[in-house]
Amino acid sequence: MQNPFHPGDQKTHHYTVVPADFASFEAGNGLVHPVLSTFALGREMEWAGRLFVLEMREAGEEGIGTMLEVQHHAPAFEGETVQVTATFAALVGRELTCTVEARVGERLVATGRTGQRIVDKAKLEARFAALREAR
């Protein structure tokens, strides 16, 4: 693992809301709200943090999520572009923590945190295989 980053460094990505991102559940009434769901927002927040991992991992390494925290503040509607910005908060051992903010223009859609650990890919795959076998 390499770390060319410092606390406060940022990575940003943009995401356009589509109907597949709406708050909807198969059980119950289906569509809850025609806005970006909290779980889809979490996916995009995790991706923003992963942008650091993509530059930190070395050959034979991979990142794995360890934590996701989302505070949803306002809606994002179909067709709107959400700017998701991850800020490098800390690297403790091999675990990266980022704070994350999502906005549509000036509207604050969400804040939160992500955690990802950079691990040996072969060891991770072996662990997954052992867990699959044990079930």
Protein backbone atom coordinates (compact mmCIF):
# COMPACT_ATOMS: atom_id res chain seq x y z
CA MET A 1 0.00 0.00 0.00
CA GLN A 2 1.17 3.47 -0.79
CA ASN A 3 -0.24 6.72 0.54
CA PRO A 4 0.34 9.86 -1.49
CA PHE A 5 -2.49 11.66 0.37
CA HIS A 6 -2.82 13.88 3.42
CA PRO A 7 -5.78 14.69 5.68
CA GLY A 8 -7.94 17.25 3.90
CA ASP A 9 -7.24 15.95 0.37
CA GLN A 10 -10.43 15.48 -1.64
CA LYS A 11 -11.85 13.28 -4.37
CA THR A 12 -15.08 14.19 -6.13
CA HIS A 13 -17.40 12.32 -8.41
CA HIS A 14 -20.70 13.26 -10.02
CA TYR A 15 -23.75 11.05 -10.24
CA THR A 16 -27.05 11.65 -12.06
CA VAL A 17 -30.15 10.31 -10.30
CA VAL A 18 -32.15 7.70 -12.25
CA PRO A 19 -35.41 5.92 -11.31
CA ALA A 20 -33.51 2.76 -10.26
CA ASP A 21 -32.12 4.88 -7.38
CA PHE A 22 -35.54 5.78 -5.94
CA ALA A 23 -36.56 4.68 -2.46
CA SER A 24 -38.46 1.49 -3.27
CA PHE A 25 -39.00 -1.91 -1.66
CA GLU A 26 -40.41 -5.07 -3.21
CA ALA A 27 -42.44 -5.86 -0.09
CA GLY A 28 -45.16 -3.41 0.82
CA ASN A 29 -46.11 -0.57 -1.48
CA GLY A 30 -43.11 -0.60 -3.82
CA LEU A 31 -42.13 2.99 -4.54
CA VAL A 32 -41.80 5.01 -1.35
CA HIS A 33 -40.52 8.30 -2.79
CA PRO A 34 -39.38 9.26 -6.32
CA VAL A 35 -36.07 10.64 -4.98
CA LEU A 36 -32.54 9.34 -4.48
CA SER A 37 -32.77 6.69 -1.77
CA THR A 38 -30.49 6.62 1.22
CA PHE A 39 -29.09 3.23 0.20
CA ALA A 40 -28.25 4.43 -3.34
CA LEU A 41 -26.72 7.56 -1.83
CA GLY A 42 -24.58 5.34 0.41
CA ARG A 43 -23.29 3.48 -2.66
CA GLU A 44 -22.19 6.75 -4.26
CA MET A 45 -20.60 7.98 -1.03
CA GLU A 46 -18.64 4.74 -0.73
CA TRP A 47 -17.47 5.10 -4.33
CA ALA A 48 -16.17 8.61 -3.64
CA GLY A 49 -14.03 7.27 -0.80
CA ARG A 50 -12.88 4.37 -2.95
CA LEU A 51 -11.35 6.84 -5.39
CA PHE A 52 -8.54 7.25 -2.84
CA VAL A 53 -8.16 3.47 -2.49
CA LEU A 54 -7.73 3.05 -6.24
CA GLU A 55 -4.56 5.16 -6.03
CA MET A 56 -3.36 3.70 -2.73
CA ARG A 57 -3.55 -0.01 -3.42
CA GLU A 58 -0.65 -1.80 -5.01
CA ALA A 59 -0.57 -4.91 -7.21
CA GLY A 60 -2.15 -7.79 -5.32
CA GLU A 61 -4.12 -5.53 -2.99
CA GLU A 62 -7.78 -4.59 -2.83
CA GLY A 63 -9.99 -2.34 -0.73
CA ILE A 64 -12.89 -3.64 1.33
CA GLY A 65 -15.55 -1.53 2.99
CA THR A 66 -15.55 -1.44 6.78
CA MET A 67 -18.02 1.30 7.64
CA LEU A 68 -20.65 3.54 6.09
CA GLU A 69 -22.52 6.34 7.83
CA VAL A 70 -25.11 8.46 6.00
CA GLN A 71 -27.11 11.42 7.28
CA HIS A 72 -29.67 12.24 4.61
CA HIS A 73 -30.59 15.94 4.75
CA ALA A 74 -32.52 16.77 1.56
CA PRO A 75 -33.84 15.08 -1.59
CA ALA A 76 -32.17 14.69 -4.95
CA PHE A 77 -34.62 14.29 -7.82
CA GLU A 78 -34.51 12.30 -11.06
CA GLY A 79 -32.16 13.91 -13.56
CA GLU A 80 -30.33 15.99 -10.96
CA THR A 81 -26.57 15.63 -10.73
CA VAL A 82 -25.23 14.96 -7.27
CA GLN A 83 -21.68 16.04 -6.53
CA VAL A 84 -20.18 13.62 -4.00
CA THR A 85 -16.96 14.77 -2.32
CA ALA A 86 -14.88 12.52 -0.07
CA THR A 87 -12.31 14.15 2.19
CA PHE A 88 -9.36 12.11 3.44
CA ALA A 89 -9.81 12.12 7.23
CA ALA A 90 -7.34 9.54 8.53
CA LEU A 91 -5.28 6.48 7.72
CA VAL A 92 -4.82 4.20 10.72
CA GLY A 93 -2.77 1.19 9.80
CA ARG A 94 -4.34 0.06 6.55
CA GLU A 95 -7.79 1.57 7.19
CA LEU A 96 -8.80 4.78 5.45
CA THR A 97 -11.57 6.94 6.85
CA CYS A 98 -13.20 9.70 4.81
CA THR A 99 -15.84 12.28 5.54
CA VAL A 100 -18.27 12.65 2.66
CA GLU A 101 -20.63 15.37 1.49
CA ALA A 102 -23.23 15.16 -1.28
CA ARG A 103 -24.73 18.27 -2.89
CA VAL A 104 -27.00 19.26 -5.74
CA GLY A 105 -25.77 22.77 -6.42
CA GLU A 106 -25.91 24.57 -3.07
CA ARG A 107 -28.41 22.07 -1.60
CA LEU A 108 -26.79 19.79 0.97
CA VAL A 109 -28.21 16.34 0.28
CA ALA A 110 -26.16 14.29 2.72
CA THR A 111 -23.12 14.04 4.94
CA GLY A 112 -21.41 10.98 6.30
CA ARG A 113 -18.30 8.88 6.69
CA THR A 114 -16.82 5.85 4.98
CA GLY A 115 -14.17 3.35 6.00
CA GLN A 116 -12.17 1.06 3.72
CA ARG A 117 -9.31 -1.27 4.55
CA ILE A 118 -6.63 -2.12 2.02
CA VAL A 119 -5.90 -5.84 2.21
CA ASP A 120 -3.96 -8.56 0.43
CA LYS A 121 -6.29 -9.72 -2.37
CA ALA A 122 -5.21 -13.39 -2.27
CA LYS A 123 -5.77 -13.57 1.51
CA LEU A 124 -9.18 -11.92 1.12
CA GLU A 125 -10.24 -14.37 -1.60
CA ALA A 126 -9.01 -17.31 0.53
CA ARG A 127 -11.03 -16.00 3.49
CA PHE A 128 -14.14 -15.70 1.32
CA ALA A 129 -13.62 -19.25 0.00
CA ALA A 130 -13.22 -20.64 3.53
CA LEU A 131 -16.40 -18.90 4.68
CA ARG A 132 -18.34 -20.20 1.66
CA GLU A 133 -17.12 -23.73 2.36
CA ALA A 134 -18.08 -23.52 6.04
CA ARG A 135 -21.71 -22.73 5.36
